[in-house]
Amino acid sequence: MFYQVSWTTLPGLRGLSCSEFRATLTAAPDNERGVAVDCATDAERDALLAELEAHFGPRRFLNAAAAFDGVKDYIVLRAAGR
């Protein structure tokens, strides 16, 4: 099952933060405007979202493009390592 991953990017004193990761089931993954990921089960999807929250919760980014690229790269590398 393909999911489109999205999140909230909020400003802070030390830079932008990413949180509130969510995954929406999709029939047409869009890697141009988002991050698509293939998860076999709901449990795998939930584990990915928890991993993203834990990894990106403490991180800060200088701009929205860096935040987007950071999350996208993390998901792509994670999928390649499976």
C-alpha atoms as a PDB file:
ATOM      1  CA  MET A   1       0.000   0.000   0.000  1.00  0.00           C
ATOM      2  CA  PHE A   2       1.327   3.416  -0.915  1.00  0.00           C
ATOM      3  CA  TYR A   3       1.016   6.290   1.503  1.00  0.00           C
ATOM      4  CA  GLN A   4       1.647   9.972   0.979  1.00  0.00           C
ATOM      5  CA  VAL A   5       3.595  11.248   3.992  1.00  0.00           C
ATOM      6  CA  SER A   6       3.048  14.806   5.155  1.00  0.00           C
ATOM      7  CA  TRP A   7       3.911  16.813   8.244  1.00  0.00           C
ATOM      8  CA  THR A   8       3.670  20.209   9.855  1.00  0.00           C
ATOM      9  CA  THR A   9       6.606  22.603   9.677  1.00  0.00           C
ATOM     10  CA  LEU A  10       6.600  25.235  12.409  1.00  0.00           C
ATOM     11  CA  PRO A  11       8.918  28.172  13.148  1.00  0.00           C
ATOM     12  CA  GLY A  12      10.839  28.255  16.403  1.00  0.00           C
ATOM     13  CA  LEU A  13      13.586  30.243  18.067  1.00  0.00           C
ATOM     14  CA  ARG A  14      16.289  27.914  16.731  1.00  0.00           C
ATOM     15  CA  GLY A  15      14.796  27.271  13.279  1.00  0.00           C
ATOM     16  CA  LEU A  16      11.993  25.303  11.672  1.00  0.00           C
ATOM     17  CA  SER A  17      10.799  22.068  13.216  1.00  0.00           C
ATOM     18  CA  CYS A  18       8.911  19.159  11.660  1.00  0.00           C
ATOM     19  CA  SER A  19       6.195  17.350  13.599  1.00  0.00           C
ATOM     20  CA  GLU A  20       2.722  15.817  13.361  1.00  0.00           C
ATOM     21  CA  PHE A  21       3.760  13.303  10.695  1.00  0.00           C
ATOM     22  CA  ARG A  22       0.851  11.574   8.985  1.00  0.00           C
ATOM     23  CA  ALA A  23       0.397   9.104   6.148  1.00  0.00           C
ATOM     24  CA  THR A  24      -2.582   9.110   3.801  1.00  0.00           C
ATOM     25  CA  LEU A  25      -3.389   6.098   1.667  1.00  0.00           C
ATOM     26  CA  THR A  26      -3.013   6.987  -2.013  1.00  0.00           C
ATOM     27  CA  ALA A  27      -3.500   5.321  -5.371  1.00  0.00           C
ATOM     28  CA  ALA A  28      -1.276   7.881  -7.123  1.00  0.00           C
ATOM     29  CA  PRO A  29       1.943   8.605  -5.198  1.00  0.00           C
ATOM     30  CA  ASP A  30       3.256  12.124  -5.812  1.00  0.00           C
ATOM     31  CA  ASN A  31       7.005  12.426  -5.187  1.00  0.00           C
ATOM     32  CA  GLU A  32       7.119  15.896  -6.762  1.00  0.00           C
ATOM     33  CA  ARG A  33       5.080  17.607  -4.037  1.00  0.00           C
ATOM     34  CA  GLY A  34       5.454  15.102  -1.235  1.00  0.00           C
ATOM     35  CA  VAL A  35       6.979  11.883  -0.078  1.00  0.00           C
ATOM     36  CA  ALA A  36       5.429   8.559  -1.038  1.00  0.00           C
ATOM     37  CA  VAL A  37       6.251   5.394   0.845  1.00  0.00           C
ATOM     38  CA  ASP A  38       5.229   1.763   0.497  1.00  0.00           C
ATOM     39  CA  CYS A  39       4.136   0.096   3.747  1.00  0.00           C
ATOM     40  CA  ALA A  40       2.874  -3.468   3.798  1.00  0.00           C
ATOM     41  CA  THR A  41       0.789  -3.097   6.976  1.00  0.00           C
ATOM     42  CA  ASP A  42      -0.772  -0.473   9.207  1.00  0.00           C
ATOM     43  CA  ALA A  43       1.731  -1.450  11.900  1.00  0.00           C
ATOM     44  CA  GLU A  44       4.647  -0.734   9.547  1.00  0.00           C
ATOM     45  CA  ARG A  45       3.126   2.653   8.682  1.00  0.00           C
ATOM     46  CA  ASP A  46       2.631   3.505  12.358  1.00  0.00           C
ATOM     47  CA  ALA A  47       6.213   2.475  13.150  1.00  0.00           C
ATOM     48  CA  LEU A  48       7.504   4.733  10.367  1.00  0.00           C
ATOM     49  CA  LEU A  49       5.516   7.704  11.668  1.00  0.00           C
ATOM     50  CA  ALA A  50       6.805   7.144  15.212  1.00  0.00           C
ATOM     51  CA  GLU A  51      10.371   6.869  13.882  1.00  0.00           C
ATOM     52  CA  LEU A  52       9.980  10.133  11.961  1.00  0.00           C
ATOM     53  CA  GLU A  53       8.633  11.937  15.048  1.00  0.00           C
ATOM     54  CA  ALA A  54      11.534  10.662  17.162  1.00  0.00           C
ATOM     55  CA  HIS A  55      14.185  11.487  14.567  1.00  0.00           C
ATOM     56  CA  PHE A  56      12.961  14.915  13.476  1.00  0.00           C
ATOM     57  CA  GLY A  57      11.465  16.159  16.752  1.00  0.00           C
ATOM     58  CA  PRO A  58      14.736  17.590  18.089  1.00  0.00           C
ATOM     59  CA  ARG A  59      16.135  18.704  14.700  1.00  0.00           C
ATOM     60  CA  ARG A  60      15.898  22.261  13.373  1.00  0.00           C
ATOM     61  CA  PHE A  61      16.187  23.500   9.792  1.00  0.00           C
ATOM     62  CA  LEU A  62      17.117  26.869   8.313  1.00  0.00           C
ATOM     63  CA  ASN A  63      14.297  26.886   5.749  1.00  0.00           C
ATOM     64  CA  ALA A  64      11.309  24.888   4.496  1.00  0.00           C
ATOM     65  CA  ALA A  65      13.231  23.454   1.539  1.00  0.00           C
ATOM     66  CA  ALA A  66      15.918  22.020   3.826  1.00  0.00           C
ATOM     67  CA  ALA A  67      13.226  20.516   6.072  1.00  0.00           C
ATOM     68  CA  PHE A  68      11.439  18.916   3.122  1.00  0.00           C
ATOM     69  CA  ASP A  69      14.670  17.562   1.630  1.00  0.00           C
ATOM     70  CA  GLY A  70      15.785  16.229   5.019  1.00  0.00           C
ATOM     71  CA  VAL A  71      12.590  14.257   5.572  1.00  0.00           C
ATOM     72  CA  LYS A  72      12.464  13.043   1.973  1.00  0.00           C
ATOM     73  CA  ASP A  73      16.103  11.881   2.045  1.00  0.00           C
ATOM     74  CA  TYR A  74      15.564  10.082   5.344  1.00  0.00           C
ATOM     75  CA  ILE A  75      12.553   8.172   3.986  1.00  0.00           C
ATOM     76  CA  VAL A  76      14.284   7.303   0.690  1.00  0.00           C
ATOM     77  CA  LEU A  77      17.412   6.022   2.478  1.00  0.00           C
ATOM     78  CA  ARG A  78      15.288   4.058   4.945  1.00  0.00           C
ATOM     79  CA  ALA A  79      13.392   2.392   2.105  1.00  0.00           C
ATOM     80  CA  ALA A  80      16.648   1.567   0.279  1.00  0.00           C
ATOM     81  CA  GLY A  81      18.030  -0.118   3.381  1.00  0.00           C
ATOM     82  CA  ARG A  82      15.126  -2.535   3.757  1.00  0.00           C
END
